[in-house]
């Protein structure tokens, strides 16, 4: 999509605009893996009731947590590198393959890396069970190197858009944030060419509330970053997008057949959730009204949030 067709909205909100009444969320568990210290992405595998996360640099493993039993596994990924993994998303299973995990090596705090990488792994799982974690294996499918059409960007938000079979990436440090799209091959067969594809700017997301001066003063360590997107996911029915910042959850609603470029430029419903600290990971859970959040730090808590009804 050319720059001339980018959708721009000029609405700027204060930090507390549209916040739902009360602070919501319930801490349901803690990750038991001592080596998990910088959880930066989150995905949920239905119907296996599996949460997946990862560290954001160096460590090349996926961590699985089985919600019904609390059992957990870690799986090393030998075919990748981890310079700065910042989010993961899930492409649902099809008739001829299992669900596919997409790992986004998309972090770039100083906007110094023009080439970024997406890694794709098929999950090979035993039948769902409420009494034990499934056997877990992974198969490497390939990778997509990519560049942004407007130069290097830092990003921590990656989501799969099933309505157009593409990946969406939201920049972090720019104000307002930018939405980029990356097309996918229909059959998820990758050429593994070193030539990068281009992530194309498709919308400007200016509706995420910015922190007020008072909030920044009261939260000197992270306050100035609190309006920046740290993670993203799209609901199973494809109608709700959740974007997390350090202090709030932002819900964007898509009408049927509407592109996300239009839905994401409207003002979100802002949900005040229990503060976890440096919250950078969000995923929808078992349905369209349940999300899970986690944060960086040793033995990070997992927060379950039951969302308000769609307006």
Foldseek 3Di string as FASTA:
>chain_A
DDPVQAAEDDDAAAQPPQADPDADWDFQFFQPDQVFFFWAEWEADPPQQWIWTDHFAAFQWIKIARRLARDIDIDGDDPDHHHTFHYKEWDQDDPVFHIKIKTWSQADPPLPDQKTKIWIKTWDWDDHDSHDHTDTDIDTQEMAIEGEPVGGFGWREWEAQPVQQWIWTWGFPDAQIWIWIGHADPVSHDPNDPDHYYTYTHYGQNQQHAYDPVQCVVVVPCRRRQSTFQYWYAFPVNFWIWTHGQFWIWIFGHDPPGDVSVRRNDHTNIYGYDGQGGKRYKYAYDGRQWMWTWGGGGRITIIIGGHDDDD
